[in-house]
C-alpha cells in the first residue's frame, strides 16, 4: 500500500505519494500564520489518474 509522506520546511510543505523514487501525487501548501494552510498546487501523475490509490488515515499536524 502507498503511504502518504510529508515534507515541511517551516513555511512551505508538501504531502506526496512516492514509489520507486517517482512522485505519483503531490499537494503543495503554504502556511499563512499558525492556523491557516493555503493549498498552492496539486498534481497526479497522468498514469496514476487511471488507477485508484487507496486512501490512508487522515494526517493532522
N, C-alpha and C. Protein backbone atom coordinates (compact mmCIF):
# COMPACT_ATOMS: atom_id res chain seq x y z
N UNK A 1 0.85 -1.18 0.00
CA UNK A 1 0.00 0.00 0.00
C UNK A 1 0.89 1.25 0.00
N UNK A 2 0.47 2.27 -0.72
CA UNK A 2 1.21 3.52 -0.77
C UNK A 2 0.96 4.30 0.52
N UNK A 3 2.00 4.96 1.00
CA UNK A 3 1.89 5.75 2.21
C UNK A 3 2.08 7.22 1.86
N UNK A 4 1.24 8.06 2.43
CA UNK A 4 1.38 9.50 2.21
C UNK A 4 2.56 9.99 3.04
N UNK A 5 3.48 10.69 2.38
CA UNK A 5 4.65 11.24 3.06
C UNK A 5 4.48 12.75 3.18
N UNK A 6 5.28 13.35 4.07
CA UNK A 6 5.13 14.78 4.33
C UNK A 6 6.50 15.43 4.42
N UNK A 7 6.63 16.60 3.81
CA UNK A 7 7.81 17.44 3.91
C UNK A 7 7.36 18.82 4.36
N UNK A 8 8.08 19.44 5.30
CA UNK A 8 7.74 20.78 5.76
C UNK A 8 9.02 21.50 6.16
N UNK A 9 9.21 22.73 5.64
CA UNK A 9 10.44 23.48 5.94
C UNK A 9 10.21 24.63 6.91
N UNK A 10 9.03 24.68 7.53
CA UNK A 10 8.71 25.74 8.47
C UNK A 10 7.75 26.76 7.91
N UNK A 11 7.68 26.88 6.60
CA UNK A 11 6.76 27.82 5.93
C UNK A 11 5.97 27.12 4.82
N UNK A 12 6.66 26.33 4.01
CA UNK A 12 6.03 25.60 2.91
C UNK A 12 6.14 24.11 3.15
N UNK A 13 5.23 23.37 2.54
CA UNK A 13 5.28 21.93 2.70
C UNK A 13 4.63 21.21 1.54
N UNK A 14 4.67 19.89 1.63
CA UNK A 14 4.12 19.05 0.57
C UNK A 14 3.72 17.71 1.16
N UNK A 15 2.56 17.22 0.76
CA UNK A 15 2.16 15.85 1.01
C UNK A 15 2.31 15.14 -0.32
N UNK A 16 2.85 13.93 -0.31
CA UNK A 16 3.08 13.24 -1.58
C UNK A 16 3.10 11.73 -1.41
N UNK A 17 2.85 11.05 -2.51
CA UNK A 17 2.97 9.60 -2.59
C UNK A 17 4.09 9.32 -3.56
N UNK A 18 5.07 8.52 -3.10
CA UNK A 18 6.25 8.24 -3.92
C UNK A 18 6.50 6.74 -3.93
N UNK A 19 6.72 6.20 -5.11
CA UNK A 19 7.06 4.79 -5.27
C UNK A 19 8.25 4.70 -6.22
N UNK A 20 9.27 3.95 -5.81
CA UNK A 20 10.49 3.80 -6.62
C UNK A 20 11.07 5.15 -7.03
N UNK A 21 11.15 6.09 -6.09
CA UNK A 21 11.70 7.44 -6.31
C UNK A 21 10.94 8.25 -7.35
N UNK A 22 9.69 7.90 -7.61
CA UNK A 22 8.86 8.67 -8.55
C UNK A 22 7.62 9.16 -7.80
N UNK A 23 7.40 10.47 -7.82
CA UNK A 23 6.22 11.03 -7.17
C UNK A 23 4.99 10.77 -8.03
N UNK A 24 4.00 10.11 -7.43
CA UNK A 24 2.77 9.78 -8.14
C UNK A 24 1.71 10.85 -7.94
N UNK A 25 1.74 11.51 -6.79
CA UNK A 25 0.77 12.55 -6.50
C UNK A 25 1.38 13.51 -5.48
N UNK A 26 1.08 14.80 -5.63
CA UNK A 26 1.58 15.80 -4.68
C UNK A 26 0.53 16.85 -4.38
N UNK A 27 0.61 17.42 -3.19
CA UNK A 27 -0.19 18.58 -2.82
C UNK A 27 0.76 19.52 -2.08
N UNK A 28 1.07 20.65 -2.69
CA UNK A 28 1.97 21.64 -2.11
C UNK A 28 1.14 22.71 -1.39
N UNK A 29 1.65 23.15 -0.24
CA UNK A 29 0.92 24.15 0.54
C UNK A 29 1.87 25.18 1.14
N UNK A 30 1.27 26.25 1.60
CA UNK A 30 1.97 27.36 2.24
C UNK A 30 1.24 27.68 3.53
N UNK A 31 1.96 27.84 4.62
CA UNK A 31 1.33 28.22 5.88
C UNK A 31 1.12 29.73 5.89
N UNK A 32 -0.08 30.14 6.27
CA UNK A 32 -0.43 31.56 6.39
C UNK A 32 -0.77 31.81 7.86
N UNK A 33 0.24 32.07 8.64
CA UNK A 33 0.04 32.20 10.08
C UNK A 33 0.13 30.82 10.73
N UNK A 34 -0.38 30.74 11.96
CA UNK A 34 -0.29 29.48 12.71
C UNK A 34 -1.45 28.53 12.46
N UNK A 35 -2.55 29.03 11.93
CA UNK A 35 -3.74 28.18 11.82
C UNK A 35 -4.30 28.05 10.41
N UNK A 36 -3.70 28.71 9.42
CA UNK A 36 -4.23 28.65 8.06
C UNK A 36 -3.22 27.99 7.13
N UNK A 37 -3.75 27.15 6.27
CA UNK A 37 -2.94 26.44 5.29
C UNK A 37 -3.53 26.76 3.91
N UNK A 38 -2.70 27.22 3.00
CA UNK A 38 -3.16 27.55 1.64
C UNK A 38 -2.60 26.49 0.70
N UNK A 39 -3.48 25.77 0.02
CA UNK A 39 -3.04 24.77 -0.96
C UNK A 39 -2.66 25.52 -2.22
N UNK A 40 -1.39 25.38 -2.60
CA UNK A 40 -0.87 26.10 -3.77
C UNK A 40 -1.00 25.29 -5.06
N UNK A 41 -0.83 23.97 -4.95
CA UNK A 41 -0.75 23.17 -6.18
C UNK A 41 -1.05 21.71 -5.86
N UNK A 42 -1.79 21.06 -6.74
CA UNK A 42 -1.99 19.61 -6.65
C UNK A 42 -1.64 19.01 -8.00
N UNK A 43 -1.11 17.79 -7.97
CA UNK A 43 -0.75 17.13 -9.22
C UNK A 43 -0.81 15.62 -9.04
N UNK A 44 -1.33 14.93 -10.05
CA UNK A 44 -1.36 13.48 -10.07
C UNK A 44 -0.71 13.04 -11.37
N UNK A 45 0.24 12.11 -11.26
CA UNK A 45 0.91 11.54 -12.43
C UNK A 45 -0.16 11.06 -13.41
N UNK A 46 -0.01 11.35 -14.69
CA UNK A 46 -1.05 11.03 -15.68
C UNK A 46 -1.36 9.54 -15.73
N UNK A 47 -0.38 8.69 -15.50
CA UNK A 47 -0.63 7.25 -15.48
C UNK A 47 -1.48 6.88 -14.28
N UNK A 48 -1.26 7.53 -13.15
CA UNK A 48 -1.99 7.22 -11.93
C UNK A 48 -3.43 7.71 -11.97
N UNK A 49 -3.75 8.63 -12.84
CA UNK A 49 -5.13 9.13 -12.92
C UNK A 49 -6.10 8.02 -13.30
N UNK A 50 -5.61 6.96 -13.91
CA UNK A 50 -6.48 5.86 -14.32
C UNK A 50 -6.57 4.77 -13.25
N UNK A 51 -5.77 4.86 -12.19
CA UNK A 51 -5.78 3.89 -11.10
C UNK A 51 -6.43 4.49 -9.87
N UNK A 52 -6.90 3.63 -9.00
CA UNK A 52 -7.44 4.09 -7.72
C UNK A 52 -6.32 3.94 -6.69
N UNK A 53 -6.00 5.03 -6.01
CA UNK A 53 -4.99 5.00 -4.94
C UNK A 53 -5.74 4.87 -3.63
N UNK A 54 -5.41 3.82 -2.85
CA UNK A 54 -6.09 3.58 -1.58
C UNK A 54 -5.84 4.74 -0.63
N UNK A 55 -6.89 5.24 -0.01
CA UNK A 55 -6.68 6.32 0.96
C UNK A 55 -6.04 5.80 2.24
N UNK A 56 -5.27 6.64 2.90
CA UNK A 56 -4.69 6.29 4.19
C UNK A 56 -5.39 7.15 5.24
N UNK A 57 -5.17 6.83 6.52
CA UNK A 57 -5.81 7.66 7.57
C UNK A 57 -5.42 9.12 7.42
N UNK A 58 -6.30 10.00 7.82
CA UNK A 58 -6.04 11.45 7.74
C UNK A 58 -4.81 11.82 8.55
N UNK A 59 -4.08 12.81 8.05
CA UNK A 59 -2.90 13.29 8.73
C UNK A 59 -3.23 14.64 9.38
N UNK A 60 -2.98 14.76 10.65
CA UNK A 60 -3.23 16.00 11.37
C UNK A 60 -1.92 16.51 11.94
N UNK A 61 -1.70 17.80 11.88
CA UNK A 61 -0.50 18.38 12.46
C UNK A 61 -0.82 19.68 13.13
